[in-house]
Amino acid sequence: QLNRAGLALIGGYIYVGFGSHCDNTPYNGWLFSYDKTTLSQVAVLDTTPAGSEGAIWQAGGAPAADALGSIYVVSGNGNFDADTGGSDYADSVLKLIPSGGTLAISDYFTPVDQASLSADDNDRGSADPIVLPDSVGSPAHPHLMIVAGKGGTIYLVDRDNLGEFCTGCSSDTQIVQELSPFQVNRISPVYWQGTAYFGPGYDGIYAYSIANGSLSSAPASETPKSETFGYPGASLSISADGLTNGILWAVDTSLYSVSGPAALHAYLASNLADELYNSNQA
């Protein structure tokens, strides 16, 4: 098994996710927790205990947590039968409640096209979940979270009711919102000041505003069309002086396949059309 997901320190415990080495079977998705002081193992979760796959890799992103201590992870392609009473949760957003020595799955969301996503290797688990502040929610959905999948779809879900699996549905009507603006998305989004930023592969970087429990249907800003990031996309982070002077940093590693250099870009977070710097200028 391979540890690719980032570590998370939540409530005195260290959480470590595992998946596969380049989809080489057999493997399962695992989440372990350890006491931060003694490093003794406290709990273990297998996302597909009766099946296989369902890796927790999240493009290197860590598990997320909310103020109540609930933990969120997203699993990759594999077996799924939770909708029929089974125990396998591939291609799913999982809400976990730590209790004693267990990590109990208290809720989940699985897209209606899970079977085709799994067959096409379009993991839902290709990015880590982003827990949003209550300020961008609505009275009906005050506690929101963003999940982005490898196939380019963005899901806005309610952490109080993830929606599970909509049997017989043609779309995911049980969640708050679903957008499919990208062809390829293997990179985790970032959030700052009412805006979510996405860096899909073979494309630019896009900023979507979030307010009143909804993502904007079109980008609030985007990088110049002349600048695109190859596969797998742009690795993103934000720096700021508190609530002002936000800078979106983007690393382009698309030349790795030909042993080329990475490039670092900096954009004005409030308007991605304004590039402040890139390392290719040197």
Protein backbone atom coordinates (compact mmCIF):
# COMPACT_ATOMS: atom_id res chain seq x y z
CA GLN A 1 0.00 0.00 0.00
CA LEU A 2 1.12 3.59 -0.67
CA ASN A 3 0.69 6.60 1.60
CA ARG A 4 0.11 9.51 -0.74
CA ALA A 5 -2.53 11.56 1.06
CA GLY A 6 -1.25 14.24 3.41
CA LEU A 7 -1.33 13.72 7.16
CA ALA A 8 -3.94 15.39 9.37
CA LEU A 9 -3.70 16.21 13.08
CA ILE A 10 -7.27 16.31 14.40
CA GLY A 11 -8.32 16.25 18.04
CA GLY A 12 -5.08 14.79 19.30
CA TYR A 13 -4.87 12.06 16.67
CA ILE A 14 -2.80 11.72 13.49
CA TYR A 15 -4.70 10.41 10.46
CA VAL A 16 -2.87 8.64 7.63
CA GLY A 17 -4.49 7.54 4.35
CA PHE A 18 -3.32 4.74 2.06
CA GLY A 19 -4.05 3.48 -1.44
CA SER A 20 -2.20 1.75 -4.23
CA HIS A 21 1.09 1.91 -6.10
CA CYS A 22 -0.13 2.97 -9.58
CA ASP A 23 -3.33 0.88 -9.37
CA ASN A 24 -1.37 -2.35 -8.92
CA THR A 25 -3.81 -4.80 -7.35
CA PRO A 26 -4.62 -6.08 -4.85
CA TYR A 27 -5.20 -3.03 -2.66
CA ASN A 28 -7.82 -1.29 -0.54
CA GLY A 29 -8.39 2.19 0.77
CA TRP A 30 -7.19 2.63 4.35
CA LEU A 31 -7.34 5.35 6.98
CA PHE A 32 -5.36 4.85 10.21
CA SER A 33 -5.39 7.00 13.32
CA TYR A 34 -2.61 7.21 15.90
CA ASP A 35 -2.35 8.88 19.28
CA LYS A 36 -0.18 11.97 18.73
CA THR A 37 1.69 11.47 22.02
CA THR A 38 2.29 7.73 22.16
CA LEU A 39 1.95 6.98 18.41
CA SER A 40 -0.10 3.92 19.36
CA GLN A 41 -2.67 2.85 16.77
CA VAL A 42 -6.21 3.88 17.76
CA ALA A 43 -8.48 3.02 14.83
CA VAL A 44 -8.48 1.63 11.27
CA LEU A 45 -10.96 2.12 8.43
CA ASP A 46 -11.08 -0.03 5.27
CA THR A 47 -13.21 1.64 2.56
CA THR A 48 -13.85 -1.66 0.73
CA PRO A 49 -13.68 -4.46 3.34
CA ALA A 50 -15.71 -6.92 1.25
CA GLY A 51 -14.19 -5.84 -2.08
CA SER A 52 -11.11 -4.04 -3.33
CA GLU A 53 -9.65 -0.68 -4.34
CA GLY A 54 -11.33 2.52 -3.04
CA ALA A 55 -7.94 4.16 -2.37
CA ILE A 56 -7.57 7.27 -0.22
CA TRP A 57 -5.02 9.31 -2.18
CA GLN A 58 -6.72 12.69 -2.78
CA ALA A 59 -3.90 13.98 -5.03
CA GLY A 60 -1.74 14.31 -1.93
CA GLY A 61 -4.32 16.30 0.04
CA ALA A 62 -5.04 15.48 3.67
CA PRO A 63 -8.30 14.38 5.31
CA ALA A 64 -10.53 17.32 6.26
CA ALA A 65 -12.36 18.02 9.51
CA ASP A 66 -15.05 20.39 10.73
CA ALA A 67 -15.49 22.21 14.04
CA LEU A 68 -17.44 19.28 15.51
CA GLY A 69 -14.58 16.86 14.85
CA SER A 70 -16.18 14.98 11.96
CA ILE A 71 -13.59 13.76 9.44
CA TYR A 72 -14.04 13.71 5.67
CA VAL A 73 -12.19 11.68 3.04
CA VAL A 74 -12.88 10.81 -0.60
CA SER A 75 -12.23 7.32 -1.97
CA GLY A 76 -11.12 6.35 -5.46
CA ASN A 77 -12.50 3.85 -7.96
CA GLY A 78 -13.40 0.31 -6.90
CA ASN A 79 -16.26 -1.71 -5.44
CA PHE A 80 -19.41 0.06 -4.25
CA ASP A 81 -22.46 -1.61 -2.73
CA ALA A 82 -23.36 0.62 0.23
CA ASP A 83 -26.63 1.55 -1.50
CA THR A 84 -27.83 -2.05 -1.15
CA GLY A 85 -26.68 -2.54 2.42
CA GLY A 86 -23.11 -3.56 1.63
CA SER A 87 -19.89 -2.32 3.21
CA ASP A 88 -17.92 -1.09 0.17
CA TYR A 89 -17.63 2.68 -0.42
CA ALA A 90 -15.49 3.33 -3.51
CA ASP A 91 -15.85 6.64 -5.38
CA SER A 92 -17.50 8.15 -2.31
CA VAL A 93 -17.28 11.11 0.02
CA LEU A 94 -17.21 9.66 3.54
CA LYS A 95 -18.13 11.39 6.80
CA LEU A 96 -16.40 9.67 9.70
CA ILE A 97 -17.13 9.97 13.42
CA PRO A 98 -14.20 8.94 15.65
CA SER A 99 -15.53 7.05 18.67
CA GLY A 100 -13.32 5.06 21.00
CA GLY A 101 -11.28 2.76 18.82
CA THR A 102 -13.44 3.02 15.70
CA LEU A 103 -13.90 5.27 12.67
CA ALA A 104 -17.61 4.93 11.95
CA ILE A 105 -19.04 5.98 8.58
CA SER A 106 -21.99 8.17 9.59
CA ASP A 107 -22.89 9.49 6.13
CA TYR A 108 -21.71 9.35 2.53
CA PHE A 109 -22.23 10.68 -1.00
CA THR A 110 -21.68 8.59 -4.11
CA PRO A 111 -22.40 9.94 -7.64
CA VAL A 112 -25.09 8.18 -9.66
CA ASP A 113 -22.56 7.38 -12.39
CA GLN A 114 -20.24 5.54 -9.97
CA ALA A 115 -20.14 2.37 -12.07
CA SER A 116 -18.95 4.17 -15.20
CA LEU A 117 -16.59 6.38 -13.19
CA SER A 118 -14.95 3.29 -11.73
CA ALA A 119 -14.76 1.52 -15.08
CA ASP A 120 -13.14 4.56 -16.69
CA ASP A 121 -10.72 5.19 -13.78
CA ASN A 122 -12.32 8.59 -13.16
CA ASP A 123 -11.84 8.59 -9.39
CA ARG A 124 -13.90 10.81 -7.15
CA GLY A 125 -10.93 10.59 -4.82
CA SER A 126 -8.55 12.58 -7.03
CA ALA A 127 -8.73 15.65 -4.77
CA ASP A 128 -9.21 16.28 -1.09
CA PRO A 129 -12.50 17.72 0.23
CA ILE A 130 -12.61 21.41 1.16
CA VAL A 131 -14.69 22.25 4.25
CA LEU A 132 -16.18 25.74 3.75
CA PRO A 133 -16.91 28.37 6.42
CA ASP A 134 -20.52 28.88 7.48
CA SER A 135 -20.42 32.43 6.05
CA VAL A 136 -20.89 31.12 2.49
CA GLY A 137 -23.77 28.79 3.35
CA SER A 138 -27.52 29.35 3.23
CA PRO A 139 -30.27 28.87 5.83
CA ALA A 140 -31.13 25.56 4.16
CA HIS A 141 -27.49 24.45 3.84
CA PRO A 142 -25.27 26.24 6.38
CA HIS A 143 -22.46 23.64 6.41
CA LEU A 144 -21.00 23.07 2.97
CA MET A 145 -18.07 21.23 1.43
CA ILE A 146 -16.52 21.15 -2.05
CA VAL A 147 -15.40 17.91 -3.68
CA ALA A 148 -13.79 17.81 -7.14
CA GLY A 149 -13.35 14.66 -9.21
CA LYS A 150 -10.88 13.46 -11.82
CA GLY A 151 -13.48 13.71 -14.57
CA GLY A 152 -13.80 17.49 -14.11
CA THR A 153 -16.99 17.65 -12.04
CA ILE A 154 -17.37 19.91 -8.99
CA TYR A 155 -19.75 18.79 -6.24
CA LEU A 156 -21.10 21.13 -3.56
CA VAL A 157 -22.48 18.98 -0.74
CA ASP A 158 -24.20 19.55 2.61
CA ARG A 159 -22.07 18.18 5.45
CA ASP A 160 -25.23 17.65 7.54
CA ASN A 161 -26.77 15.47 4.80
CA LEU A 162 -24.30 14.24 2.19
CA GLY A 163 -27.05 12.59 0.16
CA GLU A 164 -25.83 8.97 -0.05
CA PHE A 165 -26.67 7.36 -3.44
CA CYS A 166 -29.72 8.32 -5.51
CA THR A 167 -31.03 4.98 -6.81
CA GLY A 168 -32.76 5.26 -10.17
CA CYS A 169 -31.74 8.89 -10.66
CA SER A 170 -30.18 10.24 -13.84
CA SER A 171 -28.32 13.00 -11.98
CA ASP A 172 -27.23 13.81 -8.43
CA THR A 173 -30.31 15.74 -7.37
CA GLN A 174 -29.72 14.81 -3.72
CA ILE A 175 -26.78 17.23 -3.31
CA VAL A 176 -26.69 21.02 -3.24
CA GLN A 177 -25.03 21.69 -6.61
CA GLU A 178 -23.10 19.99 -9.38
CA LEU A 179 -21.01 21.64 -12.10
CA SER A 180 -18.99 19.94 -14.86
CA PRO A 181 -16.79 22.68 -16.32
CA PHE A 182 -13.51 20.80 -16.88
CA GLN A 183 -12.23 17.88 -18.92
CA VAL A 184 -9.58 16.69 -16.47
CA ASN A 185 -9.17 17.53 -12.80
CA ARG A 186 -6.61 15.68 -10.69
CA ILE A 187 -5.56 18.59 -8.45
CA SER A 188 -7.12 19.72 -5.17
CA PRO A 189 -8.86 23.11 -5.15
CA VAL A 190 -8.12 25.86 -2.62
CA TYR A 191 -10.44 28.37 -0.93
CA TRP A 192 -10.01 32.00 0.16
CA GLN A 193 -12.44 34.83 0.90
CA GLY A 194 -15.59 33.46 -0.70
CA THR A 195 -13.78 32.02 -3.71
CA ALA A 196 -12.77 28.50 -4.74
CA TYR A 197 -9.84 28.09 -7.14
CA PHE A 198 -9.41 25.16 -9.54
CA GLY A 199 -6.41 24.24 -11.70
CA PRO A 200 -7.57 21.50 -14.12
CA GLY A 201 -5.22 19.75 -16.51
CA TYR A 202 -4.73 21.06 -20.06
CA ASP A 203 -6.41 24.31 -19.08
CA GLY A 204 -6.01 27.54 -17.15
CA ILE A 205 -6.91 28.35 -13.54
CA TYR A 206 -10.45 29.37 -12.61
CA ALA A 207 -11.96 31.20 -9.63
CA TYR A 208 -15.59 30.46 -8.71
CA SER A 209 -17.31 32.64 -6.15
CA ILE A 210 -19.40 31.06 -3.38
CA ALA A 211 -22.26 32.86 -1.63
CA ASN A 212 -25.69 32.04 -0.22
CA GLY A 213 -25.02 28.32 -0.49
CA SER A 214 -24.17 28.29 -4.19
CA LEU A 215 -21.20 28.30 -6.54
CA SER A 216 -21.27 30.79 -9.39
CA SER A 217 -22.28 29.13 -12.66
CA ALA A 218 -19.38 30.83 -14.48
CA PRO A 219 -15.89 31.76 -13.25
CA ALA A 220 -15.52 35.08 -11.46
CA SER A 221 -12.05 35.34 -13.01
CA GLU A 222 -9.58 33.15 -14.86
CA THR A 223 -5.98 33.16 -16.02
CA PRO A 224 -5.22 34.40 -19.55
CA LYS A 225 -6.19 31.97 -22.32
CA SER A 226 -2.61 32.13 -23.59
CA GLU A 227 -1.43 30.41 -20.41
CA THR A 228 -2.40 26.78 -19.89
CA PHE A 229 -1.14 24.13 -17.50
CA GLY A 230 -0.52 20.67 -18.88
CA TYR A 231 -1.12 17.34 -17.19
CA PRO A 232 -1.99 16.93 -14.36
CA GLY A 233 -2.86 20.61 -13.78
CA ALA A 234 -1.76 23.41 -11.49
CA SER A 235 -0.89 22.74 -7.83
CA LEU A 236 -2.40 25.67 -5.94
CA SER A 237 -1.90 27.54 -2.68
CA ILE A 238 -2.85 30.94 -1.26
CA SER A 239 -0.85 33.51 0.66
CA ALA A 240 -2.36 36.68 2.09
CA ASP A 241 -2.00 39.43 4.66
CA GLY A 242 -4.99 38.34 6.74
CA LEU A 243 -8.05 39.09 4.63
CA THR A 244 -6.24 41.27 2.07
CA ASN A 245 -3.52 41.09 -0.58
CA GLY A 246 -4.30 37.51 -1.59
CA ILE A 247 -1.92 35.82 -4.02
CA LEU A 248 -2.72 32.56 -5.76
CA TRP A 249 0.46 30.54 -6.29
CA ALA A 250 0.44 27.86 -8.98
CA VAL A 251 3.10 25.25 -9.72
CA ASP A 252 3.23 23.82 -13.25
CA THR A 253 4.94 20.40 -13.35
CA SER A 254 3.68 19.35 -16.78
CA LEU A 255 7.21 19.02 -18.21
CA TYR A 256 8.11 16.25 -15.76
CA SER A 257 7.65 13.60 -18.47
CA VAL A 258 10.54 15.08 -20.46
CA SER A 259 12.64 15.91 -17.37
CA GLY A 260 11.83 19.58 -17.80
CA PRO A 261 11.73 22.14 -14.99
CA ALA A 262 8.70 23.09 -12.92
CA ALA A 263 7.46 26.68 -13.12
CA LEU A 264 6.05 28.85 -10.34
CA HIS A 265 3.34 31.40 -11.13
CA ALA A 266 1.77 34.09 -8.92
CA TYR A 267 -1.62 35.66 -9.69
CA LEU A 268 -3.69 38.33 -8.00
CA ALA A 269 -6.27 36.24 -6.13
CA SER A 270 -9.04 38.78 -6.71
CA ASN A 271 -8.43 38.78 -10.47
CA LEU A 272 -6.56 35.84 -12.00
CA ALA A 273 -6.09 37.75 -15.25
CA ASP A 274 -3.38 39.71 -13.42
CA GLU A 275 -0.18 37.63 -13.28
CA LEU A 276 2.25 39.10 -10.79
CA TYR A 277 5.23 36.86 -11.48
CA ASN A 278 6.42 33.59 -12.96
CA SER A 279 9.77 31.85 -12.62
CA ASN A 280 10.20 31.60 -16.39
CA GLN A 281 10.90 35.35 -16.37
CA ALA A 282 14.27 34.70 -14.75
